[in-house]
Amino acid sequence: SVSMFLNTLTPKFYVALTGTSSLISGLILIFEWWYFRKYGTSFIEQVSVSHLRPLLGGVDNSAPSTASAANGDADSNRQSVSECKVWRNPLNLFRGAEYNRYTWVTGREPLTYYDMNLSAQDHQTFFTCDTDHLRPADAIMQKAWRERNPQARISAAHEALELNECATAYILLAEEEATTIVEAEKLFKQALKAGEGCYRRSQQLQHHGAQYEAQHRRDTNVLVYIKRRLAMCARKLGRTREAVKMMRDLMKEFPLLSMFNIHENLLEALLELQAYADVQAVLAKYDDISLPKSATICYTAALLKARAVSDKFSPEAASRRGLSTAEMNAVEAIHRAVEFNPHVPKYLLEMKSLILAPEHILKRGDSEAIAYAFFHLQHWKRVEGALNLLHCTWEGTFRMIPYPLEKGHLFYPYPICTETADRELLPSFHEVSVYPKKELPFFILFTAGLCSFTAMLALLTHQFPELMGVFAKAFLSTLFAPLNFVMEKVESILPSSLWHQLTRI
């Protein structure tokens, strides 16, 4: 009966069959790919794990109780939110003198709207308070910080300066109107005179009420911002020792303002002076388990460890005799740094091109890696053999972390929200570094192969219907041969009357 059925099939049937199979597998492939791009997992795999395995009796015995699982999910969510907090870049550039100059030369915008909007929120938080309406110049500046148009902000700053010596107006002009660092420094020095006067006056009145307390806090933020930017101007203009002194004095004068991360500016300036003992002293204070880490902290610690052994390090010699204690410490420091931020090595090794650092960064993200490498690549190049040691050892980090999204070795698991936030912070012309790379699930590869195979069969069947019909009949005959053999054996064993009744049923 099978042979009779196969003989009655026409070539058109095989064309229709292979074409329909190719269409269905192609639709499955398109859906799987869309689902993977949107949710990062395979739909078929997710359904099989979530729904089919329980029906088949597959239960994970190692699963925690419902209460503990709920607590774990809540903890991971809280950790994810805290890990994906966006921070102000301690080494952010000047808009007028650096970011705008880049735009004039290349025609590209180095800052995203999201990044600039975060800066506008920072400016309103640091430079305004509820008593600004009592002083006309401050009232104008309060509106200026909310302006989206740069020219409107600059015009408002000039208007405020016509009324009074306003420190925040000078800050805005230094950041956005000055086209060179020299011009910016002159404006910041004028801002410093005005800011120090306001700070002294508010310091005397800070305990007279809540509004005076808020005003003093604002004046403190303004003064710290001005002094920090003056130190950065000195660093950019080559007066590095002067910049280091200004940063040290600022940290002593305002030790509680750790939110500005001035120690990262200090580390970079000390590395420029090659004052490695002073760098180690700063790290000893800030590379503490109770303090938040950063790429600057972790990679600077790795650089100091690598500096002790990198000039004589040889991969071949190390493989023969094994690593010495100092080399092991350097490799472990590199592994620690790479686990914290795995995007940095490709920029330090110049496997990926750098762009201007954004005004805000995401710790452990691509934005932080760009900000770090933009200023610290020269320091790694200056230490002989440091980049070679990094090149030989950094990828070994990933063998220590079996599955980075779920497990951590020295830090919390790598947060999954970094890619989304980095795409908001970094310009569209930059290819965002993604870690870990999303591997294509098995079912996408399987459906892609199935679709390609059935499409090829459909094409061959359409071009050579008779020949493909012969092949299909031969294939199906071979496929059904074991079944025919079993049926013949059953017919020979069972009585003919019983077999006749079974076939009728």
Protein backbone atom coordinates (compact mmCIF):
# COMPACT_ATOMS: atom_id res chain seq x y z
CA SER A 1 0.00 0.00 0.00
CA VAL A 2 2.93 2.34 0.75
CA SER A 3 4.45 1.61 -2.66
CA MET A 4 1.11 2.28 -4.35
CA PHE A 5 0.78 5.59 -2.49
CA LEU A 6 4.28 6.71 -3.47
CA ASN A 7 3.72 5.79 -7.10
CA THR A 8 0.57 7.93 -7.27
CA LEU A 9 2.40 11.12 -6.11
CA THR A 10 3.24 13.57 -8.89
CA PRO A 11 6.29 15.89 -9.11
CA LYS A 12 4.00 18.84 -8.34
CA PHE A 13 3.33 17.33 -4.91
CA TYR A 14 7.06 17.27 -4.11
CA VAL A 15 7.45 20.88 -5.28
CA ALA A 16 4.56 21.96 -3.05
CA LEU A 17 5.83 19.91 -0.10
CA THR A 18 9.40 21.26 -0.17
CA GLY A 19 8.23 24.82 -0.82
CA THR A 20 5.81 24.71 2.13
CA SER A 21 8.49 23.23 4.40
CA SER A 22 10.93 25.95 3.40
CA LEU A 23 8.34 28.68 4.05
CA ILE A 24 7.41 27.32 7.48
CA SER A 25 11.03 26.89 8.60
CA GLY A 26 11.83 30.40 7.32
CA LEU A 27 8.97 31.90 9.34
CA ILE A 28 10.14 30.03 12.45
CA LEU A 29 13.68 31.35 11.87
CA ILE A 30 12.46 34.95 11.50
CA PHE A 31 10.38 34.72 14.68
CA GLU A 32 13.21 33.10 16.65
CA TRP A 33 15.68 35.77 15.53
CA TRP A 34 13.28 38.61 16.44
CA TYR A 35 12.60 37.07 19.85
CA PHE A 36 16.31 36.60 20.49
CA ARG A 37 17.13 40.21 19.52
CA LYS A 38 14.39 41.53 21.81
CA TYR A 39 14.69 39.25 24.84
CA GLY A 40 18.16 37.68 24.51
CA THR A 41 16.95 34.06 24.55
CA SER A 42 15.43 31.46 22.27
CA PHE A 43 11.63 31.18 22.36
CA ILE A 44 11.63 27.43 21.68
CA GLU A 45 14.28 26.85 24.31
CA GLN A 46 12.42 28.98 26.85
CA VAL A 47 9.14 27.16 26.23
CA SER A 48 10.81 23.76 26.47
CA VAL A 49 12.50 24.64 29.76
CA SER A 50 9.57 26.47 31.33
CA HIS A 51 6.61 24.36 30.20
CA LEU A 52 7.64 21.04 28.71
CA ARG A 53 10.19 20.00 31.32
CA PRO A 54 7.67 20.18 34.23
CA LEU A 55 5.16 18.16 32.18
CA LEU A 56 7.80 15.51 31.55
CA GLY A 57 8.69 15.41 35.24
CA GLY A 58 11.98 17.31 35.08
CA VAL A 59 12.42 19.16 38.37
CA ASP A 60 15.50 21.05 39.49
CA ASN A 61 16.26 19.60 42.92
CA SER A 62 18.78 22.31 43.65
CA ALA A 63 16.17 25.06 43.32
CA PRO A 64 15.79 27.14 46.49
CA SER A 65 12.54 27.54 48.32
CA THR A 66 10.00 30.05 47.08
CA ALA A 67 10.69 32.54 49.85
CA SER A 68 14.46 32.43 49.45
CA ALA A 69 14.13 32.63 45.66
CA ALA A 70 11.93 35.70 45.99
CA ASN A 71 14.43 37.29 48.34
CA GLY A 72 17.26 36.45 45.94
CA ASP A 73 15.38 38.02 43.02
CA ALA A 74 14.74 41.14 45.07
CA ASP A 75 18.42 41.35 46.07
CA SER A 76 19.57 40.88 42.48
CA ASN A 77 17.16 43.57 41.29
CA ARG A 78 18.40 46.00 43.93
CA GLN A 79 21.98 45.18 43.06
CA SER A 80 21.25 45.62 39.35
CA VAL A 81 19.75 49.05 39.93
CA SER A 82 22.64 50.16 42.14
CA GLU A 83 25.25 48.75 39.74
CA CYS A 84 23.69 50.58 36.79
CA LYS A 85 23.72 53.98 38.46
CA VAL A 86 25.10 56.64 36.11
CA TRP A 87 27.98 58.66 37.57
CA ARG A 88 29.45 62.02 36.62
CA ASN A 89 32.74 61.48 34.79
CA PRO A 90 35.51 62.83 37.08
CA LEU A 91 37.63 63.68 34.02
CA ASN A 92 34.93 65.12 31.78
CA LEU A 93 36.10 67.55 29.13
CA PHE A 94 35.16 71.19 28.57
CA ARG A 95 32.23 71.69 26.22
CA GLY A 96 33.41 74.85 24.54
CA ALA A 97 37.15 74.18 24.44
CA GLU A 98 37.07 70.45 23.67
CA TYR A 99 33.70 68.91 22.78
CA ASN A 100 32.64 71.80 20.50
CA ARG A 101 36.08 71.89 18.88
CA TYR A 102 35.65 68.22 17.98
CA THR A 103 32.28 69.05 16.40
CA TRP A 104 33.78 71.90 14.36
CA VAL A 105 36.50 69.62 12.99
CA THR A 106 34.54 66.41 12.35
CA GLY A 107 30.91 67.53 12.10
CA ARG A 108 29.95 64.88 14.65
CA GLU A 109 28.26 65.43 17.99
CA PRO A 110 30.33 63.71 20.70
CA LEU A 111 27.63 64.11 23.38
CA THR A 112 24.20 62.53 23.34
CA TYR A 113 21.05 64.34 24.41
CA TYR A 114 20.68 61.92 27.31
CA ASP A 115 24.18 62.72 28.55
CA MET A 116 23.68 66.48 28.29
CA ASN A 117 20.29 66.21 30.01
CA LEU A 118 21.96 64.44 32.94
CA SER A 119 24.50 67.28 33.10
CA ALA A 120 21.68 69.83 33.15
CA GLN A 121 20.15 68.00 36.11
CA ASP A 122 23.53 67.99 37.88
CA HIS A 123 23.93 71.73 37.32
CA GLN A 124 20.49 72.44 38.75
CA THR A 125 21.30 70.27 41.79
CA PHE A 126 24.75 71.72 42.47
CA PHE A 127 24.34 75.37 41.43
CA THR A 128 20.80 76.35 42.45
CA CYS A 129 18.81 76.55 45.69
CA ASP A 130 15.42 77.76 46.91
CA THR A 131 16.69 81.24 47.81
CA ASP A 132 17.84 82.12 44.29
CA HIS A 133 14.77 84.28 43.72
CA LEU A 134 16.10 86.70 46.37
CA ARG A 135 19.12 87.53 44.20
CA PRO A 136 18.34 88.68 40.62
CA ALA A 137 21.52 87.28 39.07
CA ASP A 138 20.98 83.86 40.66
CA ALA A 139 17.35 83.89 39.53
CA ILE A 140 18.50 84.40 35.93
CA MET A 141 21.05 81.60 36.26
CA GLN A 142 18.42 79.26 37.69
CA LYS A 143 16.52 79.64 34.42
CA ALA A 144 19.75 79.44 32.38
CA TRP A 145 20.62 75.97 33.70
CA ARG A 146 17.23 74.73 32.43
CA GLU A 147 17.73 76.14 28.93
CA ARG A 148 18.34 73.57 26.18
CA ASN A 149 19.74 76.04 23.65
CA PRO A 150 23.46 76.71 24.34
CA GLN A 151 23.27 80.27 22.98
CA ALA A 152 20.32 81.04 25.27
CA ARG A 153 22.33 79.78 28.26
CA ILE A 154 25.35 81.90 27.31
CA SER A 155 23.19 84.99 26.78
CA ALA A 156 21.57 84.48 30.18
CA ALA A 157 25.00 84.20 31.83
CA HIS A 158 26.07 87.52 30.30
CA GLU A 159 22.82 89.08 31.47
CA ALA A 160 23.45 87.84 35.02
CA LEU A 161 26.98 89.28 35.01
CA GLU A 162 25.60 92.70 34.07
CA LEU A 163 23.65 92.67 37.34
CA ASN A 164 26.28 91.21 39.66
CA GLU A 165 29.53 89.25 39.92
CA CYS A 166 27.88 85.81 39.68
CA ALA A 167 30.10 82.77 40.15
CA THR A 168 27.77 80.34 38.37
CA ALA A 169 27.55 82.68 35.36
CA TYR A 170 31.34 82.59 35.04
CA ILE A 171 31.20 78.78 35.35
CA LEU A 172 28.75 78.51 32.46
CA LEU A 173 30.83 80.79 30.24
CA ALA A 174 34.03 78.93 31.10
CA GLU A 175 32.42 75.60 30.27
CA GLU A 176 30.53 76.53 27.11
CA GLU A 177 31.68 79.84 25.60
CA ALA A 178 35.47 79.63 26.09
CA THR A 179 37.08 78.06 23.03
CA THR A 180 40.46 77.31 24.65
CA ILE A 181 41.59 76.01 28.04
CA VAL A 182 43.44 79.30 28.65
CA GLU A 183 40.21 81.27 28.23
CA ALA A 184 38.36 78.81 30.46
CA GLU A 185 40.99 79.17 33.18
CA LYS A 186 40.69 82.97 33.15
CA LEU A 187 36.92 82.74 33.58
CA PHE A 188 37.25 80.17 36.37
CA LYS A 189 39.65 82.48 38.22
CA GLN A 190 37.02 85.22 38.05
CA ALA A 191 34.43 82.69 39.23
CA LEU A 192 36.72 81.76 42.14
CA LYS A 193 36.80 85.36 43.43
CA ALA A 194 33.01 85.63 43.30
CA GLY A 195 32.50 82.13 44.68
CA GLU A 196 34.80 82.63 47.67
CA GLY A 197 32.93 85.82 48.66
CA CYS A 198 29.57 84.06 48.53
CA TYR A 199 30.97 81.08 50.45
CA ARG A 200 32.30 83.23 53.31
CA ARG A 201 29.02 85.11 53.64
CA SER A 202 26.88 81.97 53.64
CA GLN A 203 29.26 80.22 56.04
CA GLN A 204 28.52 82.85 58.68
CA LEU A 205 24.76 82.46 58.25
CA GLN A 206 24.48 78.70 57.71
CA HIS A 207 23.08 77.95 61.20
CA HIS A 208 20.39 80.64 61.08
CA GLY A 209 17.80 78.51 59.33
CA ALA A 210 17.08 75.84 56.71
CA GLN A 211 17.23 78.26 53.77
CA TYR A 212 20.66 79.53 54.87
CA GLU A 213 21.84 75.94 55.24
CA ALA A 214 20.70 75.17 51.66
CA GLN A 215 22.39 78.32 50.39
CA HIS A 216 25.66 77.40 52.12
CA ARG A 217 25.52 73.90 50.66
CA ARG A 218 25.04 75.38 47.19
CA ASP A 219 27.92 77.84 47.67
CA THR A 220 30.14 74.97 48.87
CA ASN A 221 29.33 72.94 45.76
CA VAL A 222 30.09 75.94 43.54
CA LEU A 223 33.44 76.60 45.24
CA VAL A 224 34.54 72.94 45.06
CA TYR A 225 33.52 72.75 41.39
CA ILE A 226 35.51 75.89 40.52
CA LYS A 227 38.66 74.76 42.34
CA ARG A 228 38.47 71.31 40.81
CA ARG A 229 38.10 72.70 37.28
CA LEU A 230 40.98 75.11 37.87
CA ALA A 231 43.13 72.14 38.85
CA MET A 232 42.05 70.33 35.68
CA CYS A 233 42.95 73.42 33.62
CA ALA A 234 46.41 73.45 35.19
CA ARG A 235 46.80 69.75 34.38
CA LYS A 236 45.78 70.26 30.76
CA LEU A 237 48.13 73.22 30.39
CA GLY A 238 51.11 71.19 31.58
CA ARG A 239 51.36 72.58 35.13
CA THR A 240 50.92 69.13 36.64
CA ARG A 241 52.62 69.73 40.00
CA GLU A 242 50.46 72.79 40.56
CA ALA A 243 47.40 70.72 39.69
CA VAL A 244 48.40 68.00 42.18
CA LYS A 245 48.81 70.59 44.96
CA MET A 246 45.41 72.13 44.18
CA MET A 247 43.74 68.72 44.26
CA ARG A 248 45.39 67.73 47.55
CA ASP A 249 44.39 71.03 49.16
CA LEU A 250 40.84 70.62 47.92
CA MET A 251 40.58 67.10 49.34
CA LYS A 252 41.89 68.30 52.70
CA GLU A 253 39.56 71.30 52.79
CA PHE A 254 36.43 69.34 51.84
CA PRO A 255 37.06 65.71 52.85
CA LEU A 256 33.37 64.80 52.91
CA LEU A 257 32.66 65.66 49.27
CA SER A 258 33.65 62.22 47.97
CA MET A 259 30.82 62.32 45.42
CA PHE A 260 33.09 64.37 43.13
CA ASN A 261 35.72 61.55 43.08
CA ILE A 262 38.57 64.07 43.09
CA HIS A 263 40.99 61.27 43.98
CA GLU A 264 40.63 59.95 40.41
CA ASN A 265 41.87 63.28 39.06
CA LEU A 266 44.73 63.12 41.55
CA LEU A 267 45.69 59.58 40.50
CA GLU A 268 45.87 60.57 36.84
CA ALA A 269 48.02 63.64 37.59
CA LEU A 270 50.39 61.63 39.83
CA LEU A 271 50.80 59.01 37.10
CA GLU A 272 51.75 61.80 34.71
CA LEU A 273 54.48 62.82 37.18
CA GLN A 274 55.48 59.14 37.50
CA ALA A 275 55.16 59.53 41.27
CA TYR A 276 54.27 55.87 41.72
CA ALA A 277 54.85 55.86 45.50
CA ASP A 278 52.29 58.66 45.88
CA VAL A 279 49.91 56.78 43.60
CA GLN A 280 50.23 53.73 45.85
CA ALA A 281 49.52 55.88 48.91
CA VAL A 282 46.31 57.22 47.35
CA LEU A 283 45.25 53.69 46.34
CA ALA A 284 45.86 52.46 49.88
CA LYS A 285 43.25 54.95 51.07
CA TYR A 286 40.62 54.55 48.35
CA ASP A 287 41.00 50.93 47.20
CA ASP A 288 39.10 49.76 50.25
CA ILE A 289 36.48 47.03 50.44
CA SER A 290 33.94 49.46 51.94
CA LEU A 291 34.33 52.04 49.14
CA PRO A 292 32.87 51.78 45.63
CA LYS A 293 35.32 50.60 43.00
CA SER A 294 36.01 52.10 39.60
CA ALA A 295 38.06 51.26 36.53
CA THR A 296 40.59 53.90 37.58
CA ILE A 297 41.11 52.27 40.98
CA CYS A 298 41.30 48.68 39.70
CA TYR A 299 43.43 49.28 36.61
CA THR A 300 45.80 51.68 38.36
CA ALA A 301 46.40 49.02 41.02
CA ALA A 302 47.04 46.52 38.22
CA LEU A 303 49.45 48.93 36.51
CA LEU A 304 51.50 49.35 39.68
CA LYS A 305 51.71 45.57 40.17
CA ALA A 306 52.59 45.05 36.50
CA ARG A 307 55.27 47.75 36.66
CA ALA A 308 57.29 45.62 39.09
CA VAL A 309 57.64 42.70 36.64
CA SER A 310 56.58 43.80 33.15
CA ASP A 311 60.01 44.91 31.88
CA LYS A 312 61.40 41.35 32.25
CA PHE A 313 58.22 39.36 31.64
CA SER A 314 58.28 36.75 28.88
CA PRO A 315 55.37 34.38 28.21
CA GLU A 316 57.72 31.62 27.02
CA ALA A 317 59.95 31.86 30.09
CA ALA A 318 56.93 32.02 32.39
CA SER A 319 55.45 28.88 30.81
CA ARG A 320 58.73 27.01 31.34
CA ARG A 321 59.56 27.98 34.91
CA GLY A 322 56.13 29.08 36.15
CA LEU A 323 55.12 32.47 37.53
CA SER A 324 57.04 34.09 40.35
CA THR A 325 55.20 35.57 43.33
CA ALA A 326 55.44 39.10 41.95
CA GLU A 327 54.25 37.98 38.51
CA MET A 328 51.37 36.07 40.08
CA ASN A 329 50.34 39.19 42.00
CA ALA A 330 50.45 41.24 38.80
CA VAL A 331 48.36 38.69 36.87
CA GLU A 332 45.80 38.48 39.70
CA ALA A 333 45.56 42.28 39.76
CA ILE A 334 44.93 42.31 36.00
CA HIS A 335 42.29 39.59 36.36
CA ARG A 336 40.62 41.62 39.10
CA ALA A 337 40.58 44.75 36.95
CA VAL A 338 39.26 42.91 33.88
CA GLU A 339 36.50 41.27 35.90
CA PHE A 340 35.41 44.69 37.15
CA ASN A 341 35.39 46.23 33.66
CA PRO A 342 36.07 43.83 30.77
CA HIS A 343 35.81 46.54 28.10
CA VAL A 344 39.03 48.39 29.02
CA PRO A 345 41.73 46.04 27.59
CA LYS A 346 40.60 46.40 23.98
CA TYR A 347 41.04 50.18 24.24
CA LEU A 348 44.38 49.96 26.04
CA LEU A 349 45.65 47.42 23.49
CA GLU A 350 44.26 49.60 20.68
CA MET A 351 42.13 46.79 19.35
CA LYS A 352 39.25 49.27 19.33
CA SER A 353 39.38 52.98 18.52
CA LEU A 354 38.77 55.58 21.22
CA ILE A 355 36.31 58.46 21.14
CA LEU A 356 35.94 61.50 23.40
CA ALA A 357 34.90 60.48 26.89
CA PRO A 358 31.26 61.35 27.74
CA GLU A 359 30.25 63.63 30.61
CA HIS A 360 28.66 60.70 32.46
CA ILE A 361 29.79 57.10 32.76
CA LEU A 362 28.31 53.79 33.78
CA LYS A 363 30.60 51.88 36.10
CA ARG A 364 31.71 48.55 34.61
CA GLY A 365 30.33 49.71 31.25
CA ASP A 366 31.81 50.72 27.90
CA SER A 367 31.44 54.41 28.76
CA GLU A 368 33.68 54.01 31.84
CA ALA A 369 36.20 52.05 29.78
CA ILE A 370 36.41 54.87 27.21
CA ALA A 371 36.78 57.51 29.94
CA TYR A 372 39.56 55.53 31.62
CA ALA A 373 41.52 54.60 28.49
CA PHE A 374 41.19 58.12 27.04
CA PHE A 375 43.35 59.54 29.84
CA HIS A 376 45.36 56.53 31.05
CA LEU A 377 46.54 54.86 27.82
CA GLN A 378 49.67 57.05 27.84
CA HIS A 379 50.50 55.90 31.39
CA TRP A 380 50.34 52.22 30.37
CA LYS A 381 52.53 52.91 27.35
CA ARG A 382 55.09 54.63 29.56
CA VAL A 383 55.60 51.52 31.70
CA GLU A 384 57.80 49.17 29.67
CA GLY A 385 56.15 45.81 29.00
CA ALA A 386 52.90 46.63 30.84
CA LEU A 387 50.73 46.37 27.73
CA ASN A 388 52.49 43.15 26.75
CA LEU A 389 51.68 41.63 30.14
CA LEU A 390 48.09 42.80 29.81
CA HIS A 391 47.88 41.33 26.30
CA CYS A 392 49.15 37.93 27.51
CA THR A 393 46.93 37.61 30.57
CA TRP A 394 43.67 39.58 30.35
CA GLU A 395 41.61 36.93 28.52
CA GLY A 396 42.41 34.39 31.23
CA THR A 397 39.93 36.25 33.43
CA PHE A 398 36.99 34.72 31.59
CA ARG A 399 38.12 31.18 32.34
CA MET A 400 37.81 32.00 36.03
CA ILE A 401 34.17 33.07 35.67
CA PRO A 402 32.17 30.13 34.23
CA TYR A 403 29.13 32.22 33.37
CA PRO A 404 29.62 35.95 33.96
CA LEU A 405 25.96 36.91 33.97
CA GLU A 406 25.18 34.58 36.85
CA LYS A 407 28.42 34.34 38.82
CA GLY A 408 31.13 36.65 40.01
CA HIS A 409 34.60 35.83 41.28
CA LEU A 410 35.85 38.94 43.08
CA PHE A 411 32.91 41.28 42.42
CA TYR A 412 29.16 41.05 42.13
CA PRO A 413 27.84 39.42 38.94
CA TYR A 414 28.22 41.61 35.89
CA PRO A 415 25.02 43.68 35.54
CA ILE A 416 22.88 43.02 32.47
CA CYS A 417 21.69 46.63 32.14
CA THR A 418 25.01 48.14 31.03
CA GLU A 419 24.46 47.78 27.29
CA THR A 420 21.18 49.72 27.32
CA ALA A 421 22.59 52.56 29.43
CA ASP A 422 25.80 52.78 27.39
CA ARG A 423 23.83 53.12 24.17
CA GLU A 424 22.12 56.16 25.70
CA LEU A 425 25.38 57.70 26.91
CA LEU A 426 27.59 57.09 23.87
CA PRO A 427 27.15 58.67 20.40
CA SER A 428 25.54 56.70 17.60
CA PHE A 429 28.72 56.57 15.49
CA HIS A 430 30.48 54.55 18.18
CA GLU A 431 30.09 50.77 18.20
CA VAL A 432 29.17 49.98 21.79
CA SER A 433 31.22 47.21 23.37
CA VAL A 434 28.95 44.45 24.70
CA TYR A 435 29.93 41.93 27.37
CA PRO A 436 29.36 39.09 27.46
CA LYS A 437 28.70 38.52 23.79
CA LYS A 438 25.28 36.99 23.21
CA GLU A 439 25.83 33.61 21.60
CA LEU A 440 23.22 32.40 19.15
CA PRO A 441 21.03 29.71 20.75
CA PHE A 442 21.03 26.21 19.29
CA PHE A 443 17.47 26.47 17.97
CA ILE A 444 18.26 29.56 15.88
CA LEU A 445 21.20 27.74 14.29
CA PHE A 446 19.05 24.62 13.84
CA THR A 447 16.16 26.50 12.19
CA ALA A 448 18.62 28.41 10.00
CA GLY A 449 20.11 25.12 8.79
CA LEU A 450 16.66 23.60 8.33
CA CYS A 451 15.44 26.62 6.39
CA SER A 452 18.50 26.57 4.13
CA PHE A 453 18.19 22.81 3.52
CA THR A 454 14.47 22.92 2.71
CA ALA A 455 14.93 25.99 0.49
CA MET A 456 17.61 24.13 -1.47
CA LEU A 457 15.33 21.10 -1.79
CA ALA A 458 12.48 23.31 -2.99
CA LEU A 459 14.71 24.91 -5.62
CA LEU A 460 16.04 21.57 -6.87
CA THR A 461 12.54 20.07 -6.93
CA HIS A 462 11.25 23.01 -8.94
CA GLN A 463 14.10 22.77 -11.44
CA PHE A 464 14.24 18.96 -11.71
CA PRO A 465 10.81 17.64 -10.66
CA GLU A 466 11.11 14.12 -12.22
CA LEU A 467 14.61 13.48 -10.93
CA MET A 468 13.78 14.75 -7.44
CA GLY A 469 10.60 12.65 -7.50
CA VAL A 470 12.69 9.55 -8.14
CA PHE A 471 15.04 10.47 -5.30
CA ALA A 472 12.10 11.18 -2.97
CA LYS A 473 10.46 7.82 -3.77
CA ALA A 474 13.75 6.02 -3.24
CA PHE A 475 14.31 7.84 0.06
CA LEU A 476 10.79 7.16 1.33
CA SER A 477 10.98 3.53 0.23
CA THR A 478 14.23 3.15 2.15
CA LEU A 479 12.69 4.93 5.14
CA PHE A 480 9.64 2.65 5.18
CA ALA A 481 11.58 -0.56 4.42
CA PRO A 482 12.01 -1.51 8.12
CA LEU A 483 8.31 -0.91 8.70
CA ASN A 484 7.37 -3.09 5.72
CA PHE A 485 9.70 -5.80 6.99
CA VAL A 486 8.04 -5.75 10.44
CA MET A 487 4.58 -5.81 8.88
CA GLU A 488 5.51 -8.87 6.78
CA LYS A 489 6.81 -10.70 9.85
CA VAL A 490 3.63 -9.86 11.79
CA GLU A 491 1.49 -11.17 8.91
CA SER A 492 3.43 -14.44 8.82
CA ILE A 493 3.16 -14.99 12.58
CA LEU A 494 -0.44 -13.99 13.29
CA PRO A 495 -3.37 -16.06 11.97
CA SER A 496 -4.82 -14.64 8.80
CA SER A 497 -8.29 -14.29 10.32
CA LEU A 498 -6.98 -12.32 13.34
CA TRP A 499 -4.81 -10.13 11.12
CA HIS A 500 -7.81 -9.48 8.89
CA GLN A 501 -9.90 -8.38 11.89
CA LEU A 502 -7.07 -6.07 13.15
CA THR A 503 -6.68 -4.40 9.79
CA ARG A 504 -10.44 -3.90 9.60
CA ILE A 505 -10.35 -2.23 13.07
